[in-house]
Amino acid sequence: MAEFAVAVEGIETFRDVQELGAKTKFAAVQALNKVARDQRAEAARRIGEQINLPKRTLGPAAGNLTVSKKAQRTSLEARITARGRPTSLARFSKGTPGRAGVQVEVKPGQARFLRRAFLIRLPQGTALTETRFNLGLAIRLRPGERLDNKTQQVQLSKGLYLLYGPSIQQIFLNNQGKGVADDLTDPTADALEAEIIRLLGLRT
């Protein structure tokens, strides 16, 4: 799982939080939770521009990109969490199970035809399937043949592999600390400042 924190800077200890005025503390909690919700939605929109997933997959109810921690008066921090499980390439495919040759569109508007790949039905509820989605996209490799390193795979049997695309986590925040979450750092700070000022009725 990849996490992105939304926090009030300069509040480093429990004592610091306790010493804030009640009105300021309440405004900070409200601002943090609103900005976290808004930025989760913005992150979902940006991820949807990069990976061809249904909007419901990136909605808050799906559990793939959520506000996993809400701010409280004792903890002025909210967190957005992205799911780390790779996404089956079958989710991006158009074709009929059992027939060779599948068109896959991982990035919106950039379809690719995988000549030797084919869709197969998988047992519902196994570790290789996704909830309510029991198709996999597979390929049979020749002895010694390898796949592109960018393609993730799980071996089903000798020479037969299931193919996977990027996880939502990889688009949100990868191992190098880059991605949608990194792009949202400055806009999030600006939005948080503006919301606290609005709630407190302050002028700059």
N, C-alpha and C. Protein backbone atom coordinates (compact mmCIF):
# COMPACT_ATOMS: atom_id res chain seq x y z
N MET A 1 0.83 -1.20 0.00
CA MET A 1 0.00 0.00 0.00
C MET A 1 0.87 1.26 0.00
N ALA A 2 0.47 2.25 -0.77
CA ALA A 2 1.14 3.55 -0.77
C ALA A 2 0.26 4.55 -0.04
N GLU A 3 0.90 5.36 0.80
CA GLU A 3 0.14 6.33 1.60
C GLU A 3 0.63 7.75 1.34
N PHE A 4 -0.30 8.67 1.39
CA PHE A 4 -0.01 10.09 1.21
C PHE A 4 -0.61 10.83 2.40
N ALA A 5 0.23 11.56 3.15
CA ALA A 5 -0.22 12.24 4.36
C ALA A 5 -0.59 13.69 4.07
N VAL A 6 -1.70 14.11 4.69
CA VAL A 6 -2.11 15.51 4.67
C VAL A 6 -2.06 15.98 6.11
N ALA A 7 -1.14 16.89 6.43
CA ALA A 7 -0.95 17.27 7.83
C ALA A 7 -0.73 18.76 7.97
N VAL A 8 -0.98 19.27 9.19
CA VAL A 8 -0.68 20.66 9.52
C VAL A 8 0.77 20.72 9.96
N GLU A 9 1.61 21.42 9.22
CA GLU A 9 3.03 21.49 9.54
C GLU A 9 3.28 22.33 10.79
N GLY A 10 4.34 21.97 11.52
CA GLY A 10 4.71 22.71 12.71
C GLY A 10 4.07 22.17 13.98
N ILE A 11 3.18 21.18 13.84
CA ILE A 11 2.55 20.55 15.01
C ILE A 11 3.19 19.18 15.15
N GLU A 12 4.22 19.10 15.98
CA GLU A 12 5.05 17.90 16.01
C GLU A 12 4.78 16.98 17.19
N THR A 13 4.20 17.47 18.26
CA THR A 13 3.99 16.65 19.43
C THR A 13 2.56 16.73 19.91
N PHE A 14 2.18 15.78 20.75
CA PHE A 14 0.84 15.77 21.34
C PHE A 14 0.61 17.06 22.14
N ARG A 15 1.65 17.53 22.81
CA ARG A 15 1.51 18.75 23.60
C ARG A 15 1.21 19.96 22.70
N ASP A 16 1.87 20.00 21.53
CA ASP A 16 1.62 21.09 20.59
C ASP A 16 0.15 21.12 20.20
N VAL A 17 -0.42 19.95 19.95
CA VAL A 17 -1.82 19.86 19.57
C VAL A 17 -2.71 20.32 20.70
N GLN A 18 -2.40 19.89 21.91
CA GLN A 18 -3.23 20.24 23.07
C GLN A 18 -3.24 21.74 23.35
N GLU A 19 -2.13 22.42 22.99
CA GLU A 19 -2.02 23.83 23.30
C GLU A 19 -2.68 24.74 22.26
N LEU A 20 -3.14 24.16 21.18
CA LEU A 20 -3.88 24.96 20.20
C LEU A 20 -5.22 25.39 20.78
N GLY A 21 -5.69 26.56 20.36
CA GLY A 21 -7.02 26.98 20.77
C GLY A 21 -8.07 26.06 20.21
N ALA A 22 -9.20 25.92 20.91
CA ALA A 22 -10.26 25.00 20.50
C ALA A 22 -10.76 25.32 19.10
N LYS A 23 -10.96 26.62 18.81
CA LYS A 23 -11.48 27.01 17.51
C LYS A 23 -10.48 26.66 16.40
N THR A 24 -9.20 26.94 16.65
CA THR A 24 -8.17 26.66 15.65
C THR A 24 -8.03 25.16 15.42
N LYS A 25 -8.07 24.40 16.50
CA LYS A 25 -7.94 22.96 16.40
C LYS A 25 -9.10 22.36 15.61
N PHE A 26 -10.31 22.82 15.89
CA PHE A 26 -11.50 22.32 15.19
C PHE A 26 -11.43 22.66 13.71
N ALA A 27 -10.98 23.89 13.41
CA ALA A 27 -10.85 24.31 12.01
C ALA A 27 -9.80 23.46 11.30
N ALA A 28 -8.71 23.16 11.98
CA ALA A 28 -7.66 22.35 11.37
C ALA A 28 -8.17 20.95 11.04
N VAL A 29 -8.93 20.35 11.97
CA VAL A 29 -9.49 19.01 11.74
C VAL A 29 -10.44 19.04 10.55
N GLN A 30 -11.34 20.02 10.53
CA GLN A 30 -12.28 20.14 9.42
C GLN A 30 -11.56 20.32 8.09
N ALA A 31 -10.56 21.20 8.09
CA ALA A 31 -9.82 21.48 6.86
C ALA A 31 -9.08 20.25 6.36
N LEU A 32 -8.42 19.55 7.26
CA LEU A 32 -7.67 18.36 6.88
C LEU A 32 -8.57 17.30 6.25
N ASN A 33 -9.71 17.06 6.87
CA ASN A 33 -10.60 16.01 6.37
C ASN A 33 -11.24 16.40 5.04
N LYS A 34 -11.57 17.68 4.87
CA LYS A 34 -12.13 18.12 3.59
C LYS A 34 -11.09 18.03 2.49
N VAL A 35 -9.88 18.52 2.76
CA VAL A 35 -8.82 18.50 1.75
C VAL A 35 -8.45 17.05 1.40
N ALA A 36 -8.42 16.18 2.39
CA ALA A 36 -8.12 14.77 2.11
C ALA A 36 -9.17 14.17 1.18
N ARG A 37 -10.45 14.45 1.43
CA ARG A 37 -11.52 13.94 0.55
C ARG A 37 -11.38 14.51 -0.86
N ASP A 38 -11.13 15.82 -0.92
CA ASP A 38 -11.02 16.47 -2.23
C ASP A 38 -9.81 15.96 -3.01
N GLN A 39 -8.69 15.78 -2.32
CA GLN A 39 -7.47 15.34 -3.01
C GLN A 39 -7.54 13.86 -3.37
N ARG A 40 -8.27 13.08 -2.58
CA ARG A 40 -8.50 11.68 -2.98
C ARG A 40 -9.25 11.64 -4.31
N ALA A 41 -10.28 12.49 -4.43
CA ALA A 41 -11.05 12.56 -5.67
C ALA A 41 -10.18 13.05 -6.83
N GLU A 42 -9.33 14.04 -6.57
CA GLU A 42 -8.44 14.56 -7.61
C GLU A 42 -7.41 13.51 -8.01
N ALA A 43 -6.90 12.76 -7.03
CA ALA A 43 -5.96 11.69 -7.34
C ALA A 43 -6.63 10.62 -8.21
N ALA A 44 -7.86 10.28 -7.89
CA ALA A 44 -8.61 9.30 -8.69
C ALA A 44 -8.77 9.79 -10.12
N ARG A 45 -9.08 11.08 -10.29
CA ARG A 45 -9.24 11.64 -11.63
C ARG A 45 -7.93 11.54 -12.41
N ARG A 46 -6.82 11.88 -11.76
CA ARG A 46 -5.52 11.85 -12.44
C ARG A 46 -5.08 10.43 -12.76
N ILE A 47 -5.34 9.50 -11.85
CA ILE A 47 -5.01 8.10 -12.12
C ILE A 47 -5.83 7.60 -13.30
N GLY A 48 -7.11 8.00 -13.35
CA GLY A 48 -7.98 7.60 -14.46
C GLY A 48 -7.51 8.13 -15.80
N GLU A 49 -6.73 9.21 -15.81
CA GLU A 49 -6.17 9.73 -17.05
C GLU A 49 -4.99 8.89 -17.52
N GLN A 50 -4.41 8.11 -16.60
CA GLN A 50 -3.21 7.33 -16.93
C GLN A 50 -3.47 5.84 -17.12
N ILE A 51 -4.55 5.36 -16.51
CA ILE A 51 -4.85 3.93 -16.59
C ILE A 51 -6.34 3.77 -16.84
N ASN A 52 -6.68 2.90 -17.78
CA ASN A 52 -8.04 2.79 -18.29
C ASN A 52 -8.92 1.91 -17.40
N LEU A 53 -9.31 2.47 -16.25
CA LEU A 53 -10.16 1.75 -15.30
C LEU A 53 -11.52 2.41 -15.19
N PRO A 54 -12.59 1.65 -14.91
CA PRO A 54 -13.90 2.26 -14.69
C PRO A 54 -13.85 3.21 -13.50
N LYS A 55 -14.65 4.27 -13.55
CA LYS A 55 -14.65 5.25 -12.47
C LYS A 55 -14.99 4.61 -11.13
N ARG A 56 -15.87 3.61 -11.15
CA ARG A 56 -16.26 2.98 -9.87
C ARG A 56 -15.07 2.28 -9.21
N THR A 57 -14.11 1.82 -10.01
CA THR A 57 -12.92 1.16 -9.46
C THR A 57 -12.08 2.12 -8.64
N LEU A 58 -12.14 3.40 -9.00
CA LEU A 58 -11.37 4.42 -8.29
C LEU A 58 -12.24 5.23 -7.33
N GLY A 59 -13.50 4.85 -7.19
CA GLY A 59 -14.39 5.53 -6.26
C GLY A 59 -14.08 5.15 -4.82
N PRO A 60 -14.50 5.95 -3.85
CA PRO A 60 -14.17 5.69 -2.45
C PRO A 60 -14.73 4.36 -1.92
N ALA A 61 -15.86 3.91 -2.48
CA ALA A 61 -16.48 2.68 -1.98
C ALA A 61 -15.75 1.42 -2.43
N ALA A 62 -14.94 1.52 -3.47
CA ALA A 62 -14.26 0.34 -4.01
C ALA A 62 -13.10 -0.12 -3.14
N GLY A 63 -12.56 0.78 -2.32
CA GLY A 63 -11.48 0.41 -1.41
C GLY A 63 -10.10 0.41 -2.03
N ASN A 64 -9.99 0.85 -3.29
CA ASN A 64 -8.68 0.86 -3.95
C ASN A 64 -7.91 2.15 -3.72
N LEU A 65 -8.64 3.24 -3.47
CA LEU A 65 -8.02 4.53 -3.19
C LEU A 65 -8.92 5.22 -2.17
N THR A 66 -8.47 5.28 -0.93
CA THR A 66 -9.35 5.71 0.15
C THR A 66 -8.67 6.72 1.08
N VAL A 67 -9.49 7.48 1.80
CA VAL A 67 -9.00 8.25 2.93
C VAL A 67 -8.96 7.26 4.09
N SER A 68 -7.79 6.73 4.35
CA SER A 68 -7.63 5.64 5.32
C SER A 68 -7.52 6.13 6.76
N LYS A 69 -7.21 7.40 6.92
CA LYS A 69 -7.12 7.96 8.27
C LYS A 69 -7.67 9.37 8.25
N LYS A 70 -8.60 9.66 9.14
CA LYS A 70 -9.16 11.00 9.25
C LYS A 70 -8.49 11.74 10.40
N ALA A 71 -8.37 13.04 10.24
CA ALA A 71 -7.79 13.87 11.30
C ALA A 71 -8.72 13.92 12.50
N GLN A 72 -8.14 14.01 13.68
CA GLN A 72 -8.88 14.16 14.94
C GLN A 72 -8.21 15.28 15.74
N ARG A 73 -8.84 15.68 16.83
CA ARG A 73 -8.27 16.78 17.61
C ARG A 73 -6.93 16.42 18.24
N THR A 74 -6.70 15.13 18.41
CA THR A 74 -5.42 14.69 18.98
C THR A 74 -4.40 14.30 17.92
N SER A 75 -4.80 14.32 16.66
CA SER A 75 -3.89 13.95 15.57
C SER A 75 -4.26 14.73 14.32
N LEU A 76 -3.52 15.79 14.06
CA LEU A 76 -3.83 16.66 12.93
C LEU A 76 -3.18 16.12 11.65
N GLU A 77 -3.64 14.96 11.25
CA GLU A 77 -3.12 14.32 10.05
C GLU A 77 -4.21 13.43 9.45
N ALA A 78 -4.34 13.48 8.13
CA ALA A 78 -5.21 12.56 7.40
C ALA A 78 -4.34 11.82 6.39
N ARG A 79 -4.77 10.63 5.99
CA ARG A 79 -3.97 9.84 5.06
C ARG A 79 -4.83 9.29 3.92
N ILE A 80 -4.25 9.28 2.74
CA ILE A 80 -4.86 8.67 1.56
C ILE A 80 -4.03 7.44 1.22
N THR A 81 -4.69 6.30 1.05
CA THR A 81 -3.99 5.03 0.80
C THR A 81 -4.43 4.43 -0.53
N ALA A 82 -3.46 3.93 -1.30
CA ALA A 82 -3.74 3.28 -2.58
C ALA A 82 -3.41 1.80 -2.47
N ARG A 83 -4.23 0.97 -3.10
CA ARG A 83 -4.04 -0.48 -3.08
C ARG A 83 -2.84 -0.89 -3.89
N GLY A 84 -2.09 -1.89 -3.39
CA GLY A 84 -0.86 -2.28 -4.05
C GLY A 84 -0.96 -3.49 -4.96
N ARG A 85 -2.11 -4.16 -5.01
CA ARG A 85 -2.20 -5.38 -5.82
C ARG A 85 -2.20 -5.05 -7.31
N PRO A 86 -1.38 -5.74 -8.12
CA PRO A 86 -1.38 -5.51 -9.57
C PRO A 86 -2.76 -5.77 -10.17
N THR A 87 -3.06 -5.08 -11.25
CA THR A 87 -4.36 -5.21 -11.90
C THR A 87 -4.26 -6.19 -13.06
N SER A 88 -5.13 -7.17 -13.09
CA SER A 88 -5.12 -8.15 -14.18
C SER A 88 -5.27 -7.44 -15.52
N LEU A 89 -4.46 -7.83 -16.50
CA LEU A 89 -4.57 -7.24 -17.83
C LEU A 89 -5.92 -7.57 -18.46
N ALA A 90 -6.59 -8.59 -17.94
CA ALA A 90 -7.92 -8.93 -18.47
C ALA A 90 -8.89 -7.78 -18.28
N ARG A 91 -8.67 -6.95 -17.28
CA ARG A 91 -9.55 -5.80 -17.05
C ARG A 91 -9.47 -4.78 -18.19
N PHE A 92 -8.38 -4.81 -18.93
CA PHE A 92 -8.17 -3.83 -19.99
C PHE A 92 -8.38 -4.44 -21.38
N SER A 93 -8.94 -5.64 -21.42
CA SER A 93 -8.98 -6.37 -22.68
C SER A 93 -10.35 -6.37 -23.34
N LYS A 94 -10.31 -6.64 -24.65
CA LYS A 94 -11.51 -6.85 -25.43
C LYS A 94 -11.30 -8.14 -26.21
N GLY A 95 -12.16 -9.11 -25.98
CA GLY A 95 -11.98 -10.38 -26.65
C GLY A 95 -12.87 -11.45 -26.06
N THR A 96 -12.74 -12.67 -26.57
CA THR A 96 -13.55 -13.81 -26.14
C THR A 96 -12.65 -14.84 -25.50
N PRO A 97 -13.00 -15.38 -24.32
CA PRO A 97 -12.18 -16.41 -23.69
C PRO A 97 -11.91 -17.58 -24.62
N GLY A 98 -10.64 -18.00 -24.64
CA GLY A 98 -10.27 -19.17 -25.44
C GLY A 98 -9.72 -18.84 -26.81
N ARG A 99 -9.98 -17.64 -27.31
CA ARG A 99 -9.49 -17.27 -28.63
C ARG A 99 -8.16 -16.51 -28.52
N ALA A 100 -7.23 -16.88 -29.39
CA ALA A 100 -5.92 -16.22 -29.36
C ALA A 100 -6.02 -14.83 -29.96
N GLY A 101 -5.23 -13.93 -29.42
CA GLY A 101 -5.21 -12.55 -29.89
C GLY A 101 -6.18 -11.69 -29.10
N VAL A 102 -5.64 -10.75 -28.32
CA VAL A 102 -6.47 -9.91 -27.46
C VAL A 102 -6.01 -8.46 -27.60
N GLN A 103 -6.96 -7.57 -27.74
CA GLN A 103 -6.66 -6.14 -27.75
C GLN A 103 -6.72 -5.62 -26.32
N VAL A 104 -5.67 -4.94 -25.90
CA VAL A 104 -5.56 -4.43 -24.54
C VAL A 104 -5.35 -2.92 -24.58
N GLU A 105 -6.09 -2.21 -23.74
CA GLU A 105 -5.94 -0.75 -23.67
C GLU A 105 -5.72 -0.35 -22.22
N VAL A 106 -4.45 -0.34 -21.80
CA VAL A 106 -4.11 0.03 -20.44
C VAL A 106 -4.17 1.55 -20.28
N LYS A 107 -3.55 2.28 -21.20
CA LYS A 107 -3.62 3.73 -21.19
C LYS A 107 -4.77 4.17 -22.09
N PRO A 108 -5.61 5.06 -21.62
CA PRO A 108 -6.75 5.50 -22.42
C PRO A 108 -6.32 5.97 -23.81
N GLY A 109 -6.95 5.39 -24.83
CA GLY A 109 -6.67 5.79 -26.20
C GLY A 109 -5.44 5.16 -26.81
N GLN A 110 -4.79 4.23 -26.09
CA GLN A 110 -3.59 3.58 -26.61
C GLN A 110 -3.75 2.07 -26.57
N ALA A 111 -4.52 1.54 -27.50
CA ALA A 111 -4.78 0.10 -27.55
C ALA A 111 -3.59 -0.63 -28.17
N ARG A 112 -3.39 -1.86 -27.72
CA ARG A 112 -2.30 -2.69 -28.22
C ARG A 112 -2.83 -4.10 -28.44
N PHE A 113 -2.47 -4.71 -29.56
CA PHE A 113 -2.93 -6.07 -29.85
C PHE A 113 -1.85 -7.07 -29.45
N LEU A 114 -2.22 -7.98 -28.54
CA LEU A 114 -1.30 -9.04 -28.10
C LEU A 114 -1.66 -10.31 -28.86
N ARG A 115 -0.92 -10.59 -29.88
CA ARG A 115 -1.27 -11.65 -30.83
C ARG A 115 -1.36 -13.03 -30.20
N ARG A 116 -0.46 -13.31 -29.26
CA ARG A 116 -0.40 -14.67 -28.70
C ARG A 116 -1.13 -14.80 -27.36
N ALA A 117 -1.64 -13.71 -26.85
CA ALA A 117 -2.33 -13.76 -25.56
C ALA A 117 -3.77 -14.23 -25.74
N PHE A 118 -4.37 -14.73 -24.66
CA PHE A 118 -5.76 -15.18 -24.72
C PHE A 118 -6.39 -15.08 -23.34
N LEU A 119 -7.71 -14.93 -23.31
CA LEU A 119 -8.45 -14.84 -22.05
C LEU A 119 -8.82 -16.24 -21.59
N ILE A 120 -8.68 -16.48 -20.28
CA ILE A 120 -9.09 -17.75 -19.70
C ILE A 120 -9.94 -17.50 -18.47
N ARG A 121 -10.81 -18.43 -18.18
CA ARG A 121 -11.65 -18.33 -16.98
C ARG A 121 -10.91 -18.94 -15.80
N LEU A 122 -10.94 -18.26 -14.67
CA LEU A 122 -10.26 -18.73 -13.47
C LEU A 122 -11.29 -19.08 -12.40
N PRO A 123 -10.95 -19.99 -11.49
CA PRO A 123 -11.88 -20.32 -10.40
C PRO A 123 -12.17 -19.10 -9.55
N GLN A 124 -13.43 -18.83 -9.28
CA GLN A 124 -13.82 -17.68 -8.49
C GLN A 124 -13.28 -17.82 -7.06
N GLY A 125 -12.75 -16.70 -6.54
CA GLY A 125 -12.33 -16.70 -5.14
C GLY A 125 -10.93 -17.18 -4.89
N THR A 126 -10.17 -17.52 -5.94
CA THR A 126 -8.79 -17.93 -5.71
C THR A 126 -7.90 -16.71 -5.60
N ALA A 127 -6.67 -16.92 -5.18
CA ALA A 127 -5.74 -15.81 -4.99
C ALA A 127 -5.40 -15.13 -6.31
N LEU A 128 -5.65 -15.82 -7.44
CA LEU A 128 -5.30 -15.26 -8.73
C LEU A 128 -6.41 -14.42 -9.33
N THR A 129 -7.58 -14.42 -8.71
CA THR A 129 -8.70 -13.66 -9.26
C THR A 129 -8.95 -12.40 -8.45
N GLU A 130 -9.66 -11.49 -9.07
CA GLU A 130 -10.09 -10.30 -8.37
C GLU A 130 -11.57 -10.45 -8.06
N THR A 131 -12.03 -9.75 -7.03
CA THR A 131 -13.41 -9.87 -6.61
C THR A 131 -14.38 -9.69 -7.77
N ARG A 132 -15.27 -10.64 -7.95
CA ARG A 132 -16.32 -10.60 -8.97
C ARG A 132 -15.74 -10.46 -10.37
N PHE A 133 -14.52 -10.89 -10.58
CA PHE A 133 -13.92 -10.78 -11.90
C PHE A 133 -13.04 -12.01 -12.10
N ASN A 134 -13.55 -13.02 -12.82
CA ASN A 134 -12.84 -14.29 -12.86
C ASN A 134 -12.24 -14.61 -14.23
N LEU A 135 -11.83 -13.56 -14.95
CA LEU A 135 -11.10 -13.77 -16.20
C LEU A 135 -9.64 -13.38 -15.99
N GLY A 136 -8.77 -14.14 -16.63
CA GLY A 136 -7.36 -13.78 -16.63
C GLY A 136 -6.87 -13.68 -18.06
N LEU A 137 -5.81 -12.91 -18.27
CA LEU A 137 -5.21 -12.81 -19.59
C LEU A 137 -3.88 -13.56 -19.53
N ALA A 138 -3.77 -14.57 -20.37
CA ALA A 138 -2.62 -15.48 -20.27
C ALA A 138 -1.83 -15.52 -21.57
N ILE A 139 -0.61 -16.01 -21.44
CA ILE A 139 0.23 -16.23 -22.61
C ILE A 139 1.07 -17.48 -22.35
N ARG A 140 1.32 -18.25 -23.42
CA ARG A 140 2.17 -19.43 -23.29
C ARG A 140 3.52 -19.12 -23.92
N LEU A 141 4.57 -19.23 -23.10
CA LEU A 141 5.91 -18.90 -23.57
C LEU A 141 6.65 -20.14 -24.04
N ARG A 142 7.49 -19.94 -25.03
CA ARG A 142 8.35 -21.03 -25.52
C ARG A 142 9.51 -21.22 -24.55
N PRO A 143 10.14 -22.38 -24.54
CA PRO A 143 11.29 -22.62 -23.64
C PRO A 143 12.36 -21.54 -23.82
N GLY A 144 12.74 -20.92 -22.71
CA GLY A 144 13.76 -19.89 -22.74
C GLY A 144 13.26 -18.50 -23.08
N GLU A 145 11.99 -18.38 -23.46
CA GLU A 145 11.44 -17.08 -23.82
C GLU A 145 11.09 -16.29 -22.57
N ARG A 146 11.31 -14.97 -22.63
CA ARG A 146 11.00 -14.08 -21.50
C ARG A 146 10.09 -12.96 -21.96
N LEU A 147 9.36 -12.41 -20.99
CA LEU A 147 8.49 -11.29 -21.25
C LEU A 147 9.21 -9.99 -20.97
N ASP A 148 8.65 -8.92 -21.52
CA ASP A 148 9.15 -7.57 -21.22
C ASP A 148 9.12 -7.38 -19.70
N ASN A 149 10.18 -6.81 -19.14
CA ASN A 149 10.27 -6.61 -17.69
C ASN A 149 9.15 -5.74 -17.14
N LYS A 150 8.53 -4.90 -18.00
CA LYS A 150 7.48 -4.01 -17.55
C LYS A 150 6.17 -4.77 -17.33
N THR A 151 6.11 -6.00 -17.83
CA THR A 151 4.89 -6.80 -17.69
C THR A 151 5.05 -7.74 -16.51
N GLN A 152 4.13 -7.69 -15.57
CA GLN A 152 4.16 -8.58 -14.42
C GLN A 152 3.42 -9.86 -14.77
N GLN A 153 3.90 -10.97 -14.25
CA GLN A 153 3.28 -12.24 -14.58
C GLN A 153 3.29 -13.20 -13.40
N VAL A 154 2.32 -14.10 -13.41
CA VAL A 154 2.23 -15.16 -12.42
C VAL A 154 2.13 -16.48 -13.18
N GLN A 155 3.00 -17.43 -12.84
CA GLN A 155 3.01 -18.70 -13.54
C GLN A 155 1.86 -19.59 -13.08
N LEU A 156 1.07 -20.07 -14.06
CA LEU A 156 -0.04 -21.00 -13.76
C LEU A 156 0.42 -22.44 -13.88
N SER A 157 1.19 -22.73 -14.91
CA SER A 157 1.73 -24.06 -15.13
C SER A 157 2.97 -23.89 -16.02
N LYS A 158 3.58 -24.98 -16.40
CA LYS A 158 4.81 -24.90 -17.19
C LYS A 158 4.56 -24.13 -18.49
N GLY A 159 5.22 -22.99 -18.61
CA GLY A 159 5.13 -22.18 -19.82
C GLY A 159 3.90 -21.31 -19.92
N LEU A 160 2.96 -21.42 -18.97
CA LEU A 160 1.71 -20.65 -19.03
C LEU A 160 1.71 -19.59 -17.93
N TYR A 161 1.50 -18.33 -18.33
CA TYR A 161 1.58 -17.22 -17.39
C TYR A 161 0.36 -16.32 -17.50
N LEU A 162 -0.09 -15.83 -16.33
CA LEU A 162 -1.10 -14.78 -16.28
C LEU A 162 -0.38 -13.44 -16.32
N LEU A 163 -0.96 -12.48 -17.05
CA LEU A 163 -0.32 -11.18 -17.21
C LEU A 163 -1.05 -10.11 -16.41
N TYR A 164 -0.27 -9.20 -15.85
CA TYR A 164 -0.82 -8.13 -15.02
C TYR A 164 -0.27 -6.78 -15.46
N GLY A 165 -1.08 -5.75 -15.28
CA GLY A 165 -0.66 -4.38 -15.54
C GLY A 165 -0.29 -3.70 -14.25
N PRO A 166 -0.14 -2.38 -14.28
CA PRO A 166 0.27 -1.64 -13.08
C PRO A 166 -0.83 -1.64 -12.03
N SER A 167 -0.42 -1.57 -10.77
CA SER A 167 -1.37 -1.42 -9.67
C SER A 167 -1.74 0.05 -9.53
N ILE A 168 -2.83 0.31 -8.85
CA ILE A 168 -3.22 1.69 -8.56
C ILE A 168 -2.14 2.35 -7.72
N GLN A 169 -1.52 1.58 -6.83
CA GLN A 169 -0.44 2.12 -6.00
C GLN A 169 0.71 2.64 -6.84
N GLN A 170 1.09 1.91 -7.90
CA GLN A 170 2.21 2.33 -8.74
C GLN A 170 1.96 3.66 -9.42
N ILE A 171 0.72 3.91 -9.81
CA ILE A 171 0.38 5.18 -10.44
C ILE A 171 0.31 6.29 -9.38
N PHE A 172 -0.18 5.93 -8.19
CA PHE A 172 -0.34 6.90 -7.11
C PHE A 172 1.02 7.33 -6.56
N LEU A 173 1.86 6.35 -6.22
CA LEU A 173 3.20 6.66 -5.68
C LEU A 173 4.07 5.43 -5.85
N ASN A 174 5.08 5.52 -6.73
CA ASN A 174 5.92 4.36 -7.00
C ASN A 174 7.09 4.27 -6.03
N ASN A 175 7.95 3.29 -6.24
CA ASN A 175 9.06 3.06 -5.31
C ASN A 175 10.09 4.17 -5.32
N GLN A 176 10.06 4.99 -6.36
CA GLN A 176 10.99 6.14 -6.43
C GLN A 176 10.38 7.41 -5.85
N GLY A 177 9.17 7.27 -5.27
CA GLY A 177 8.50 8.42 -4.67
C GLY A 177 7.88 9.36 -5.68
N LYS A 178 7.66 8.88 -6.90
CA LYS A 178 7.07 9.68 -7.95
C LYS A 178 5.66 9.16 -8.27
N GLY A 179 4.85 10.05 -8.82
CA GLY A 179 3.50 9.66 -9.20
C GLY A 179 2.50 10.75 -8.88
N VAL A 180 1.23 10.40 -8.91
CA VAL A 180 0.15 11.36 -8.68
C VAL A 180 0.28 12.01 -7.31
N ALA A 181 0.60 11.24 -6.28
CA ALA A 181 0.71 11.79 -4.93
C ALA A 181 1.79 12.86 -4.86
N ASP A 182 2.92 12.61 -5.49
CA ASP A 182 4.00 13.59 -5.50
C ASP A 182 3.57 14.86 -6.23
N ASP A 183 2.86 14.69 -7.33
CA ASP A 183 2.37 15.85 -8.10
C ASP A 183 1.38 16.69 -7.29
N LEU A 184 0.68 16.05 -6.36
CA LEU A 184 -0.35 16.74 -5.58
C LEU A 184 0.19 17.41 -4.31
N THR A 185 1.48 17.26 -4.03
CA THR A 185 2.03 17.78 -2.78
C THR A 185 1.80 19.28 -2.62
N ASP A 186 2.23 20.06 -3.58
CA ASP A 186 2.07 21.52 -3.47
C ASP A 186 0.61 21.96 -3.55
N PRO A 187 -0.19 21.43 -4.50
CA PRO A 187 -1.61 21.80 -4.52
C PRO A 187 -2.34 21.45 -3.21
N THR A 188 -1.95 20.37 -2.58
CA THR A 188 -2.57 19.97 -1.32
C THR A 188 -2.24 20.96 -0.21
N ALA A 189 -0.97 21.36 -0.13
CA ALA A 189 -0.56 22.34 0.88
C ALA A 189 -1.30 23.66 0.68
N ASP A 190 -1.41 24.09 -0.57
CA ASP A 190 -2.12 25.34 -0.86
C ASP A 190 -3.60 25.24 -0.49
N ALA A 191 -4.21 24.10 -0.82
CA ALA A 191 -5.63 23.92 -0.53
C ALA A 191 -5.88 23.88 0.97
N LEU A 192 -4.97 23.25 1.72
CA LEU A 192 -5.12 23.17 3.17
C LEU A 192 -5.00 24.56 3.80
N GLU A 193 -4.03 25.32 3.37
CA GLU A 193 -3.86 26.68 3.90
C GLU A 193 -5.10 27.52 3.61
N ALA A 194 -5.59 27.45 2.38
CA ALA A 194 -6.76 28.25 2.00
C ALA A 194 -7.99 27.85 2.79
N GLU A 195 -8.15 26.55 3.05
CA GLU A 195 -9.33 26.08 3.78
C GLU A 195 -9.29 26.49 5.25
N ILE A 196 -8.12 26.42 5.87
CA ILE A 196 -7.99 26.85 7.27
C ILE A 196 -8.27 28.35 7.39
N ILE A 197 -7.72 29.13 6.46
CA ILE A 197 -7.97 30.58 6.47
C ILE A 197 -9.46 30.86 6.30
N ARG A 198 -10.09 30.12 5.40
CA ARG A 198 -11.53 30.33 5.19
C ARG A 198 -12.33 30.00 6.44
N LEU A 199 -12.02 28.90 7.10
CA LEU A 199 -12.77 28.47 8.28
C LEU A 199 -12.57 29.41 9.46
N LEU A 200 -11.39 29.98 9.56
CA LEU A 200 -11.09 30.88 10.68
C LEU A 200 -11.46 32.33 10.37
N GLY A 201 -11.84 32.58 9.11
CA GLY A 201 -12.21 33.94 8.74
C GLY A 201 -11.04 34.89 8.75
N LEU A 202 -9.85 34.37 8.44
CA LEU A 202 -8.65 35.20 8.44
C LEU A 202 -8.46 35.87 7.10
N ARG A 203 -7.68 36.93 7.07
CA ARG A 203 -7.33 37.61 5.83
C ARG A 203 -5.81 37.62 5.71
N THR A 204 -5.33 37.47 4.46
CA THR A 204 -3.89 37.51 4.25
C THR A 204 -3.49 38.84 3.65
